[in-house]
């Protein structure tokens, strides 16, 4: 089947203290590329991710917990079920202010022309 393919999850890696990331990989056909990056991440209770920016647009779907998305222009309260849109090349990070794991699924892509 070529129009639908299974993908696999990569190894869980530590991105920063309290932050675990797991990339989605392996389309199976090395000639096929995926135009988006998909990452699942978890932020331990009361942990803070490392501030960063990147040239990709990103959407997070918060899958558990609650916290604050911090950006150069303020902070945004988030909870399980929320979708967060992050513009490219803007510094952002996440604070887990709760006593449970905050987890999210991130989809990012670079603008194509």
PDB file of N, CA and C in Angstrom:
ATOM      1  N   UNK A   1       0.852  -1.175   0.000  1.00  0.00           N
ATOM      2  CA  UNK A   1       0.000   0.000   0.000  1.00  0.00           C
ATOM      3  C   UNK A   1       0.894   1.233   0.000  1.00  0.00           C
ATOM      4  N   UNK A   2       0.670   2.159  -0.904  1.00  0.00           N
ATOM      5  CA  UNK A   2       1.515   3.341  -1.008  1.00  0.00           C
ATOM      6  C   UNK A   2       0.831   4.619  -0.541  1.00  0.00           C
ATOM      7  N   UNK A   3      -0.505   4.644  -0.495  1.00  0.00           N
ATOM      8  CA  UNK A   3      -1.208   5.870  -0.114  1.00  0.00           C
ATOM      9  C   UNK A   3      -1.397   6.016   1.382  1.00  0.00           C
ATOM     10  N   UNK A   4      -1.130   4.986   2.133  1.00  0.00           N
ATOM     11  CA  UNK A   4      -1.159   5.038   3.593  1.00  0.00           C
ATOM     12  C   UNK A   4      -0.020   4.170   4.099  1.00  0.00           C
ATOM     13  N   UNK A   5       0.778   4.739   4.997  1.00  0.00           N
ATOM     14  CA  UNK A   5       1.928   4.007   5.519  1.00  0.00           C
ATOM     15  C   UNK A   5       2.004   4.177   7.026  1.00  0.00           C
ATOM     16  N   UNK A   6       2.430   3.128   7.714  1.00  0.00           N
ATOM     17  CA  UNK A   6       2.646   3.215   9.147  1.00  0.00           C
ATOM     18  C   UNK A   6       3.954   3.941   9.423  1.00  0.00           C
ATOM     19  N   UNK A   7       3.961   4.680  10.515  1.00  0.00           N
ATOM     20  CA  UNK A   7       5.176   5.345  10.970  1.00  0.00           C
ATOM     21  C   UNK A   7       5.515   4.782  12.341  1.00  0.00           C
ATOM     22  N   UNK A   8       6.705   5.061  12.837  1.00  0.00           N
ATOM     23  CA  UNK A   8       7.132   4.565  14.138  1.00  0.00           C
ATOM     24  C   UNK A   8       7.582   5.725  15.010  1.00  0.00           C
ATOM     25  N   UNK A   9       7.621   5.472  16.303  1.00  0.00           N
ATOM     26  CA  UNK A   9       8.142   6.456  17.244  1.00  0.00           C
ATOM     27  C   UNK A   9       9.621   6.195  17.468  1.00  0.00           C
ATOM     28  N   UNK A  10      10.406   7.263  17.511  1.00  0.00           N
ATOM     29  CA  UNK A  10      11.823   7.143  17.794  1.00  0.00           C
ATOM     30  C   UNK A  10      12.054   6.963  19.290  1.00  0.00           C
ATOM     31  N   UNK A  11      13.306   6.946  19.669  1.00  0.00           N
ATOM     32  CA  UNK A  11      13.668   6.805  21.069  1.00  0.00           C
ATOM     33  C   UNK A  11      13.231   8.035  21.857  1.00  0.00           C
ATOM     34  N   UNK A  12      12.924   7.833  23.121  1.00  0.00           N
ATOM     35  CA  UNK A  12      12.631   8.946  24.019  1.00  0.00           C
ATOM     36  C   UNK A  12      13.964   9.570  24.415  1.00  0.00           C
ATOM     37  N   UNK A  13      14.085  10.872  24.243  1.00  0.00           N
ATOM     38  CA  UNK A  13      15.313  11.574  24.606  1.00  0.00           C
ATOM     39  C   UNK A  13      15.000  12.694  25.590  1.00  0.00           C
ATOM     40  N   UNK A  14      15.981  13.052  26.392  1.00  0.00           N
ATOM     41  CA  UNK A  14      15.843  14.156  27.333  1.00  0.00           C
ATOM     42  C   UNK A  14      16.231  15.433  26.605  1.00  0.00           C
ATOM     43  N   UNK A  15      15.276  16.349  26.458  1.00  0.00           N
ATOM     44  CA  UNK A  15      15.523  17.619  25.781  1.00  0.00           C
ATOM     45  C   UNK A  15      16.150  18.622  26.738  1.00  0.00           C
ATOM     46  N   UNK A  16      15.599  18.697  27.935  1.00  0.00           N
ATOM     47  CA  UNK A  16      16.136  19.514  29.019  1.00  0.00           C
ATOM     48  C   UNK A  16      15.616  18.887  30.305  1.00  0.00           C
ATOM     49  N   UNK A  17      16.111  19.269  31.462  1.00  0.00           N
ATOM     50  CA  UNK A  17      15.661  18.625  32.696  1.00  0.00           C
ATOM     51  C   UNK A  17      14.134  18.665  32.820  1.00  0.00           C
ATOM     52  N   UNK A  18      13.543  17.489  32.975  1.00  0.00           N
ATOM     53  CA  UNK A  18      12.097  17.391  33.111  1.00  0.00           C
ATOM     54  C   UNK A  18      11.330  17.328  31.811  1.00  0.00           C
ATOM     55  N   UNK A  19      12.028  17.451  30.668  1.00  0.00           N
ATOM     56  CA  UNK A  19      11.360  17.458  29.370  1.00  0.00           C
ATOM     57  C   UNK A  19      11.822  16.264  28.543  1.00  0.00           C
ATOM     58  N   UNK A  20      10.890  15.385  28.205  1.00  0.00           N
ATOM     59  CA  UNK A  20      11.184  14.219  27.376  1.00  0.00           C
ATOM     60  C   UNK A  20      10.528  14.407  26.022  1.00  0.00           C
ATOM     61  N   UNK A  21      11.246  14.056  24.956  1.00  0.00           N
ATOM     62  CA  UNK A  21      10.754  14.214  23.588  1.00  0.00           C
ATOM     63  C   UNK A  21      10.834  12.871  22.884  1.00  0.00           C
ATOM     64  N   UNK A  22       9.833  12.599  22.077  1.00  0.00           N
ATOM     65  CA  UNK A  22       9.834  11.389  21.258  1.00  0.00           C
ATOM     66  C   UNK A  22       9.408  11.777  19.845  1.00  0.00           C
ATOM     67  N   UNK A  23      10.344  11.670  18.889  1.00  0.00           N
ATOM     68  CA  UNK A  23      10.063  12.000  17.492  1.00  0.00           C
ATOM     69  C   UNK A  23       9.283  10.886  16.818  1.00  0.00           C
ATOM     70  N   UNK A  24       8.499  11.284  15.835  1.00  0.00           N
ATOM     71  CA  UNK A  24       7.835  10.312  14.972  1.00  0.00           C
ATOM     72  C   UNK A  24       8.722  10.133  13.754  1.00  0.00           C
ATOM     73  N   UNK A  25       9.028   8.891  13.412  1.00  0.00           N
ATOM     74  CA  UNK A  25       9.984   8.595  12.351  1.00  0.00           C
ATOM     75  C   UNK A  25       9.469   7.488  11.452  1.00  0.00           C
ATOM     76  N   UNK A  26      10.295   7.153  10.500  1.00  0.00           N
ATOM     77  CA  UNK A  26      10.157   5.931   9.746  1.00  0.00           C
ATOM     78  C   UNK A  26       8.937   5.783   8.878  1.00  0.00           C
ATOM     79  N   UNK A  27       8.851   6.536   7.806  1.00  0.00           N
ATOM     80  CA  UNK A  27       7.758   6.346   6.874  1.00  0.00           C
ATOM     81  C   UNK A  27       7.890   4.995   6.198  1.00  0.00           C
ATOM     82  N   UNK A  28       9.072   4.463   6.115  1.00  0.00           N
ATOM     83  CA  UNK A  28       9.270   3.148   5.527  1.00  0.00           C
ATOM     84  C   UNK A  28       9.905   3.203   4.154  1.00  0.00           C
ATOM     85  N   UNK A  29       9.506   4.144   3.349  1.00  0.00           N
ATOM     86  CA  UNK A  29      10.071   4.317   2.012  1.00  0.00           C
ATOM     87  C   UNK A  29      11.049   5.478   2.078  1.00  0.00           C
ATOM     88  N   UNK A  30      12.357   5.242   1.940  1.00  0.00           N
ATOM     89  CA  UNK A  30      13.333   6.324   2.072  1.00  0.00           C
ATOM     90  C   UNK A  30      13.163   7.424   1.018  1.00  0.00           C
ATOM     91  N   UNK A  31      12.440   7.157  -0.053  1.00  0.00           N
ATOM     92  CA  UNK A  31      12.217   8.177  -1.077  1.00  0.00           C
ATOM     93  C   UNK A  31      11.079   9.124  -0.711  1.00  0.00           C
ATOM     94  N   UNK A  32      10.265   8.726   0.270  1.00  0.00           N
ATOM     95  CA  UNK A  32       9.131   9.539   0.697  1.00  0.00           C
ATOM     96  C   UNK A  32       9.548  10.426   1.854  1.00  0.00           C
ATOM     97  N   UNK A  33       9.259  11.709   1.743  1.00  0.00           N
ATOM     98  CA  UNK A  33       9.568  12.628   2.827  1.00  0.00           C
ATOM     99  C   UNK A  33       8.275  13.123   3.460  1.00  0.00           C
ATOM    100  N   UNK A  34       8.351  13.498   4.690  1.00  0.00           N
ATOM    101  CA  UNK A  34       7.195  14.007   5.416  1.00  0.00           C
ATOM    102  C   UNK A  34       7.368  15.519   5.559  1.00  0.00           C
ATOM    103  N   UNK A  35       6.380  16.324   5.142  1.00  0.00           N
ATOM    104  CA  UNK A  35       6.535  17.780   5.167  1.00  0.00           C
ATOM    105  C   UNK A  35       6.374  18.394   6.551  1.00  0.00           C
ATOM    106  N   UNK A  36       6.083  17.584   7.553  1.00  0.00           N
ATOM    107  CA  UNK A  36       5.918  18.094   8.912  1.00  0.00           C
ATOM    108  C   UNK A  36       6.781  17.289   9.872  1.00  0.00           C
ATOM    109  N   UNK A  37       7.047  17.883  11.015  1.00  0.00           N
ATOM    110  CA  UNK A  37       7.733  17.189  12.097  1.00  0.00           C
ATOM    111  C   UNK A  37       6.715  16.987  13.214  1.00  0.00           C
ATOM    112  N   UNK A  38       6.655  15.794  13.743  1.00  0.00           N
ATOM    113  CA  UNK A  38       5.713  15.464  14.794  1.00  0.00           C
ATOM    114  C   UNK A  38       6.499  15.019  16.017  1.00  0.00           C
ATOM    115  N   UNK A  39       6.253  15.662  17.142  1.00  0.00           N
ATOM    116  CA  UNK A  39       6.972  15.355  18.380  1.00  0.00           C
ATOM    117  C   UNK A  39       5.951  15.241  19.508  1.00  0.00           C
ATOM    118  N   UNK A  40       6.124  14.245  20.333  1.00  0.00           N
ATOM    119  CA  UNK A  40       5.346  14.136  21.555  1.00  0.00           C
ATOM    120  C   UNK A  40       6.286  14.495  22.703  1.00  0.00           C
ATOM    121  N   UNK A  41       5.835  15.362  23.609  1.00  0.00           N
ATOM    122  CA  UNK A  41       6.718  15.696  24.723  1.00  0.00           C
ATOM    123  C   UNK A  41       5.959  15.718  26.034  1.00  0.00           C
ATOM    124  N   UNK A  42       6.723  15.518  27.114  1.00  0.00           N
ATOM    125  CA  UNK A  42       6.184  15.517  28.469  1.00  0.00           C
ATOM    126  C   UNK A  42       7.042  16.433  29.325  1.00  0.00           C
ATOM    127  N   UNK A  43       6.376  17.183  30.160  1.00  0.00           N
ATOM    128  CA  UNK A  43       7.049  18.107  31.067  1.00  0.00           C
ATOM    129  C   UNK A  43       6.658  17.708  32.484  1.00  0.00           C
ATOM    130  N   UNK A  44       7.647  17.322  33.294  1.00  0.00           N
ATOM    131  CA  UNK A  44       7.395  16.888  34.660  1.00  0.00           C
ATOM    132  C   UNK A  44       6.734  17.988  35.483  1.00  0.00           C
ATOM    133  N   UNK A  45       6.053  17.614  36.581  1.00  0.00           N
ATOM    134  CA  UNK A  45       5.448  18.621  37.446  1.00  0.00           C
ATOM    135  C   UNK A  45       6.449  19.687  37.872  1.00  0.00           C
ATOM    136  N   UNK A  46       6.038  20.932  37.774  1.00  0.00           N
ATOM    137  CA  UNK A  46       6.802  22.117  38.178  1.00  0.00           C
ATOM    138  C   UNK A  46       8.101  22.319  37.389  1.00  0.00           C
ATOM    139  N   UNK A  47       8.251  21.626  36.246  1.00  0.00           N
ATOM    140  CA  UNK A  47       9.435  21.797  35.391  1.00  0.00           C
ATOM    141  C   UNK A  47       9.184  22.910  34.371  1.00  0.00           C
ATOM    142  N   UNK A  48      10.278  23.425  33.826  1.00  0.00           N
ATOM    143  CA  UNK A  48      10.228  24.490  32.812  1.00  0.00           C
ATOM    144  C   UNK A  48      11.088  24.046  31.635  1.00  0.00           C
ATOM    145  N   UNK A  49      10.541  24.134  30.420  1.00  0.00           N
ATOM    146  CA  UNK A  49      11.336  23.784  29.240  1.00  0.00           C
ATOM    147  C   UNK A  49      12.329  24.897  28.924  1.00  0.00           C
ATOM    148  N   UNK A  50      13.296  24.601  28.096  1.00  0.00           N
ATOM    149  CA  UNK A  50      14.323  25.565  27.719  1.00  0.00           C
ATOM    150  C   UNK A  50      13.761  26.557  26.688  1.00  0.00           C
ATOM    151  N   UNK A  51      13.903  27.865  26.932  1.00  0.00           N
ATOM    152  CA  UNK A  51      13.454  28.839  25.929  1.00  0.00           C
ATOM    153  C   UNK A  51      14.195  28.612  24.612  1.00  0.00           C
ATOM    154  N   UNK A  52      13.454  28.661  23.508  1.00  0.00           N
ATOM    155  CA  UNK A  52      14.065  28.433  22.203  1.00  0.00           C
ATOM    156  C   UNK A  52      13.194  29.051  21.108  1.00  0.00           C
ATOM    157  N   UNK A  53      13.752  29.147  19.931  1.00  0.00           N
ATOM    158  CA  UNK A  53      12.999  29.562  18.747  1.00  0.00           C
ATOM    159  C   UNK A  53      13.489  28.724  17.575  1.00  0.00           C
ATOM    160  N   UNK A  54      12.716  28.691  16.513  1.00  0.00           N
ATOM    161  CA  UNK A  54      13.074  27.921  15.319  1.00  0.00           C
ATOM    162  C   UNK A  54      12.310  28.488  14.131  1.00  0.00           C
ATOM    163  N   UNK A  55      12.754  28.194  12.927  1.00  0.00           N
ATOM    164  CA  UNK A  55      12.115  28.766  11.737  1.00  0.00           C
ATOM    165  C   UNK A  55      10.801  28.087  11.350  1.00  0.00           C
ATOM    166  N   UNK A  56      10.349  27.141  12.137  1.00  0.00           N
ATOM    167  CA  UNK A  56       9.124  26.410  11.829  1.00  0.00           C
ATOM    168  C   UNK A  56       7.925  27.001  12.560  1.00  0.00           C
ATOM    169  N   UNK A  57       6.770  26.948  11.912  1.00  0.00           N
ATOM    170  CA  UNK A  57       5.497  27.217  12.570  1.00  0.00           C
ATOM    171  C   UNK A  57       5.142  25.952  13.335  1.00  0.00           C
ATOM    172  N   UNK A  58       4.474  26.109  14.478  1.00  0.00           N
ATOM    173  CA  UNK A  58       4.224  24.949  15.328  1.00  0.00           C
ATOM    174  C   UNK A  58       2.829  25.026  15.935  1.00  0.00           C
ATOM    175  N   UNK A  59       2.191  23.873  16.068  1.00  0.00           N
ATOM    176  CA  UNK A  59       0.936  23.756  16.803  1.00  0.00           C
ATOM    177  C   UNK A  59       1.127  22.683  17.866  1.00  0.00           C
ATOM    178  N   UNK A  60       0.754  23.031  19.095  1.00  0.00           N
ATOM    179  CA  UNK A  60       0.767  22.056  20.181  1.00  0.00           C
ATOM    180  C   UNK A  60      -0.672  21.682  20.514  1.00  0.00           C
ATOM    181  N   UNK A  61      -0.922  20.409  20.736  1.00  0.00           N
ATOM    182  CA  UNK A  61      -2.181  19.959  21.317  1.00  0.00           C
ATOM    183  C   UNK A  61      -1.841  19.460  22.710  1.00  0.00           C
ATOM    184  N   UNK A  62      -2.322  20.151  23.720  1.00  0.00           N
ATOM    185  CA  UNK A  62      -2.051  19.772  25.097  1.00  0.00           C
ATOM    186  C   UNK A  62      -2.906  18.535  25.404  1.00  0.00           C
ATOM    187  N   UNK A  63      -2.248  17.428  25.754  1.00  0.00           N
ATOM    188  CA  UNK A  63      -2.960  16.171  25.941  1.00  0.00           C
ATOM    189  C   UNK A  63      -3.182  15.806  27.410  1.00  0.00           C
ATOM    190  N   UNK A  64      -2.446  16.442  28.315  1.00  0.00           N
ATOM    191  CA  UNK A  64      -2.703  16.255  29.747  1.00  0.00           C
ATOM    192  C   UNK A  64      -2.054  17.388  30.525  1.00  0.00           C
ATOM    193  N   UNK A  65      -2.598  17.649  31.700  1.00  0.00           N
ATOM    194  CA  UNK A  65      -2.023  18.649  32.587  1.00  0.00           C
ATOM    195  C   UNK A  65      -2.424  20.073  32.241  1.00  0.00           C
ATOM    196  N   UNK A  66      -1.718  21.006  32.889  1.00  0.00           N
ATOM    197  CA  UNK A  66      -1.940  22.431  32.626  1.00  0.00           C
ATOM    198  C   UNK A  66      -0.673  23.211  32.961  1.00  0.00           C
ATOM    199  N   UNK A  67      -0.553  24.398  32.373  1.00  0.00           N
ATOM    200  CA  UNK A  67       0.621  25.229  32.603  1.00  0.00           C
ATOM    201  C   UNK A  67       0.523  26.537  31.865  1.00  0.00           C
ATOM    202  N   UNK A  68       1.668  27.113  31.559  1.00  0.00           N
ATOM    203  CA  UNK A  68       1.746  28.408  30.885  1.00  0.00           C
ATOM    204  C   UNK A  68       2.708  28.313  29.712  1.00  0.00           C
ATOM    205  N   UNK A  69       2.284  28.814  28.558  1.00  0.00           N
ATOM    206  CA  UNK A  69       3.182  29.002  27.422  1.00  0.00           C
ATOM    207  C   UNK A  69       3.743  30.412  27.567  1.00  0.00           C
ATOM    208  N   UNK A  70       5.050  30.518  27.573  1.00  0.00           N
ATOM    209  CA  UNK A  70       5.712  31.807  27.742  1.00  0.00           C
ATOM    210  C   UNK A  70       6.316  32.235  26.404  1.00  0.00           C
ATOM    211  N   UNK A  71       6.049  33.494  25.997  1.00  0.00           N
ATOM    212  CA  UNK A  71       6.610  34.043  24.775  1.00  0.00           C
ATOM    213  C   UNK A  71       7.143  35.437  25.058  1.00  0.00           C
ATOM    214  N   UNK A  72       7.778  36.037  24.073  1.00  0.00           N
ATOM    215  CA  UNK A  72       8.318  37.385  24.238  1.00  0.00           C
ATOM    216  C   UNK A  72       7.239  38.417  24.559  1.00  0.00           C
ATOM    217  N   UNK A  73       5.998  38.131  24.175  1.00  0.00           N
ATOM    218  CA  UNK A  73       4.943  39.131  24.398  1.00  0.00           C
ATOM    219  C   UNK A  73       3.947  38.730  25.486  1.00  0.00           C
ATOM    220  N   UNK A  74       4.312  37.790  26.346  1.00  0.00           N
ATOM    221  CA  UNK A  74       3.445  37.459  27.467  1.00  0.00           C
ATOM    222  C   UNK A  74       3.347  35.970  27.724  1.00  0.00           C
ATOM    223  N   UNK A  75       2.286  35.612  28.466  1.00  0.00           N
ATOM    224  CA  UNK A  75       2.074  34.219  28.798  1.00  0.00           C
ATOM    225  C   UNK A  75       0.627  33.838  28.524  1.00  0.00           C
ATOM    226  N   UNK A  76       0.438  32.533  28.247  1.00  0.00           N
ATOM    227  CA  UNK A  76      -0.865  32.016  27.871  1.00  0.00           C
ATOM    228  C   UNK A  76      -1.127  30.763  28.706  1.00  0.00           C
ATOM    229  N   UNK A  77      -2.209  30.786  29.490  1.00  0.00           N
ATOM    230  CA  UNK A  77      -2.582  29.610  30.279  1.00  0.00           C
ATOM    231  C   UNK A  77      -3.113  28.528  29.349  1.00  0.00           C
ATOM    232  N   UNK A  78      -2.653  27.278  29.563  1.00  0.00           N
ATOM    233  CA  UNK A  78      -3.109  26.152  28.745  1.00  0.00           C
ATOM    234  C   UNK A  78      -3.472  24.978  29.638  1.00  0.00           C
ATOM    235  N   UNK A  79      -4.378  24.144  29.114  1.00  0.00           N
ATOM    236  CA  UNK A  79      -4.811  22.946  29.829  1.00  0.00           C
ATOM    237  C   UNK A  79      -5.090  21.848  28.822  1.00  0.00           C
ATOM    238  N   UNK A  80      -5.294  20.653  29.315  1.00  0.00           N
ATOM    239  CA  UNK A  80      -5.575  19.508  28.462  1.00  0.00           C
ATOM    240  C   UNK A  80      -6.719  19.826  27.504  1.00  0.00           C
ATOM    241  N   UNK A  81      -6.511  19.502  26.222  1.00  0.00           N
ATOM    242  CA  UNK A  81      -7.507  19.770  25.191  1.00  0.00           C
ATOM    243  C   UNK A  81      -7.263  21.031  24.394  1.00  0.00           C
ATOM    244  N   UNK A  82      -6.420  21.932  24.902  1.00  0.00           N
ATOM    245  CA  UNK A  82      -6.138  23.189  24.198  1.00  0.00           C
ATOM    246  C   UNK A  82      -5.230  22.970  22.999  1.00  0.00           C
ATOM    247  N   UNK A  83      -5.392  23.819  21.982  1.00  0.00           N
ATOM    248  CA  UNK A  83      -4.476  23.900  20.843  1.00  0.00           C
ATOM    249  C   UNK A  83      -3.757  25.228  20.925  1.00  0.00           C
ATOM    250  N   UNK A  84      -2.453  25.226  20.709  1.00  0.00           N
ATOM    251  CA  UNK A  84      -1.636  26.431  20.790  1.00  0.00           C
ATOM    252  C   UNK A  84      -0.926  26.627  19.461  1.00  0.00           C
ATOM    253  N   UNK A  85      -1.058  27.799  18.866  1.00  0.00           N
ATOM    254  CA  UNK A  85      -0.375  28.149  17.619  1.00  0.00           C
ATOM    255  C   UNK A  85       0.846  28.991  17.963  1.00  0.00           C
ATOM    256  N   UNK A  86       2.026  28.584  17.488  1.00  0.00           N
ATOM    257  CA  UNK A  86       3.275  29.308  17.753  1.00  0.00           C
ATOM    258  C   UNK A  86       3.875  29.769  16.429  1.00  0.00           C
ATOM    259  N   UNK A  87       4.119  31.048  16.324  1.00  0.00           N
ATOM    260  CA  UNK A  87       4.691  31.622  15.107  1.00  0.00           C
ATOM    261  C   UNK A  87       6.179  31.297  15.005  1.00  0.00           C
ATOM    262  N   UNK A  88       6.712  31.225  13.788  1.00  0.00           N
ATOM    263  CA  UNK A  88       8.136  30.904  13.618  1.00  0.00           C
ATOM    264  C   UNK A  88       9.034  32.043  14.112  1.00  0.00           C
ATOM    265  N   UNK A  89      10.250  31.674  14.476  1.00  0.00           N
ATOM    266  CA  UNK A  89      11.304  32.617  14.864  1.00  0.00           C
ATOM    267  C   UNK A  89      10.942  33.481  16.065  1.00  0.00           C
ATOM    268  N   UNK A  90      10.068  32.984  16.941  1.00  0.00           N
ATOM    269  CA  UNK A  90       9.714  33.683  18.172  1.00  0.00           C
ATOM    270  C   UNK A  90      10.114  32.787  19.345  1.00  0.00           C
ATOM    271  N   UNK A  91      10.761  33.349  20.339  1.00  0.00           N
ATOM    272  CA  UNK A  91      11.178  32.573  21.503  1.00  0.00           C
ATOM    273  C   UNK A  91       9.946  32.142  22.296  1.00  0.00           C
ATOM    274  N   UNK A  92       9.941  30.861  22.703  1.00  0.00           N
ATOM    275  CA  UNK A  92       8.845  30.337  23.500  1.00  0.00           C
ATOM    276  C   UNK A  92       9.345  29.208  24.394  1.00  0.00           C
ATOM    277  N   UNK A  93       8.604  28.959  25.453  1.00  0.00           N
ATOM    278  CA  UNK A  93       8.876  27.824  26.327  1.00  0.00           C
ATOM    279  C   UNK A  93       7.623  27.534  27.132  1.00  0.00           C
ATOM    280  N   UNK A  94       7.640  26.436  27.862  1.00  0.00           N
ATOM    281  CA  UNK A  94       6.466  25.968  28.582  1.00  0.00           C
ATOM    282  C   UNK A  94       6.815  25.754  30.045  1.00  0.00           C
ATOM    283  N   UNK A  95       5.930  26.189  30.922  1.00  0.00           N
ATOM    284  CA  UNK A  95       6.070  25.960  32.356  1.00  0.00           C
ATOM    285  C   UNK A  95       4.931  25.058  32.818  1.00  0.00           C
ATOM    286  N   UNK A  96       5.272  23.972  33.517  1.00  0.00           N
ATOM    287  CA  UNK A  96       4.263  23.128  34.135  1.00  0.00           C
ATOM    288  C   UNK A  96       4.091  23.626  35.556  1.00  0.00           C
ATOM    289  N   UNK A  97       2.962  24.215  35.848  1.00  0.00           N
ATOM    290  CA  UNK A  97       2.719  24.767  37.180  1.00  0.00           C
ATOM    291  C   UNK A  97       1.850  23.846  38.029  1.00  0.00           C
ATOM    292  N   UNK A  98       1.623  22.642  37.534  1.00  0.00           N
ATOM    293  CA  UNK A  98       0.773  21.693  38.249  1.00  0.00           C
ATOM    294  C   UNK A  98       1.543  20.528  38.824  1.00  0.00           C
ATOM    295  N   UNK A  99       0.821  19.666  39.531  1.00  0.00           N
ATOM    296  CA  UNK A  99       1.453  18.512  40.180  1.00  0.00           C
ATOM    297  C   UNK A  99       1.346  17.239  39.337  1.00  0.00           C
ATOM    298  N   UNK A 100       0.835  17.352  38.104  1.00  0.00           N
ATOM    299  CA  UNK A 100       0.803  16.203  37.199  1.00  0.00           C
ATOM    300  C   UNK A 100       1.620  16.513  35.948  1.00  0.00           C
ATOM    301  N   UNK A 101       1.981  15.472  35.217  1.00  0.00           N
ATOM    302  CA  UNK A 101       2.753  15.645  33.990  1.00  0.00           C
ATOM    303  C   UNK A 101       1.928  16.455  32.987  1.00  0.00           C
ATOM    304  N   UNK A 102       2.563  17.418  32.339  1.00  0.00           N
ATOM    305  CA  UNK A 102       1.954  18.159  31.243  1.00  0.00           C
ATOM    306  C   UNK A 102       2.502  17.534  29.962  1.00  0.00           C
ATOM    307  N   UNK A 103       1.629  17.025  29.116  1.00  0.00           N
ATOM    308  CA  UNK A 103       2.096  16.407  27.877  1.00  0.00           C
ATOM    309  C   UNK A 103       1.421  17.078  26.695  1.00  0.00           C
ATOM    310  N   UNK A 104       2.104  17.005  25.553  1.00  0.00           N
ATOM    311  CA  UNK A 104       1.585  17.643  24.344  1.00  0.00           C
ATOM    312  C   UNK A 104       2.109  16.934  23.114  1.00  0.00           C
ATOM    313  N   UNK A 105       1.389  17.107  22.032  1.00  0.00           N
ATOM    314  CA  UNK A 105       1.781  16.640  20.727  1.00  0.00           C
ATOM    315  C   UNK A 105       2.074  17.885  19.898  1.00  0.00           C
ATOM    316  N   UNK A 106       3.249  17.956  19.301  1.00  0.00           N
ATOM    317  CA  UNK A 106       3.676  19.115  18.518  1.00  0.00           C
ATOM    318  C   UNK A 106       3.768  18.737  17.050  1.00  0.00           C
ATOM    319  N   UNK A 107       3.163  19.554  16.211  1.00  0.00           N
ATOM    320  CA  UNK A 107       3.300  19.418  14.760  1.00  0.00           C
ATOM    321  C   UNK A 107       3.908  20.717  14.266  1.00  0.00           C
ATOM    322  N   UNK A 108       5.018  20.614  13.529  1.00  0.00           N
ATOM    323  CA  UNK A 108       5.673  21.826  13.018  1.00  0.00           C
ATOM    324  C   UNK A 108       6.012  21.646  11.559  1.00  0.00           C
ATOM    325  N   UNK A 109       6.118  22.776  10.866  1.00  0.00           N
ATOM    326  CA  UNK A 109       6.444  22.765   9.448  1.00  0.00           C
ATOM    327  C   UNK A 109       7.071  24.088   9.080  1.00  0.00           C
ATOM    328  N   UNK A 110       7.886  24.039   8.048  1.00  0.00           N
ATOM    329  CA  UNK A 110       8.476  25.250   7.485  1.00  0.00           C
ATOM    330  C   UNK A 110       7.636  25.671   6.297  1.00  0.00           C
ATOM    331  N   UNK A 111       7.521  26.962   6.131  1.00  0.00           N
ATOM    332  CA  UNK A 111       6.751  27.480   4.986  1.00  0.00           C
ATOM    333  C   UNK A 111       7.381  26.997   3.686  1.00  0.00           C
ATOM    334  N   UNK A 112       6.555  26.551   2.772  1.00  0.00           N
ATOM    335  CA  UNK A 112       7.049  26.137   1.473  1.00  0.00           C
ATOM    336  C   UNK A 112       6.594  27.141   0.432  1.00  0.00           C
ATOM    337  N   UNK A 113       7.377  27.262  -0.612  1.00  0.00           N
ATOM    338  CA  UNK A 113       7.041  28.221  -1.671  1.00  0.00           C
ATOM    339  C   UNK A 113       6.881  27.515  -2.978  1.00  0.00           C
TER     340      UNK A 113
END
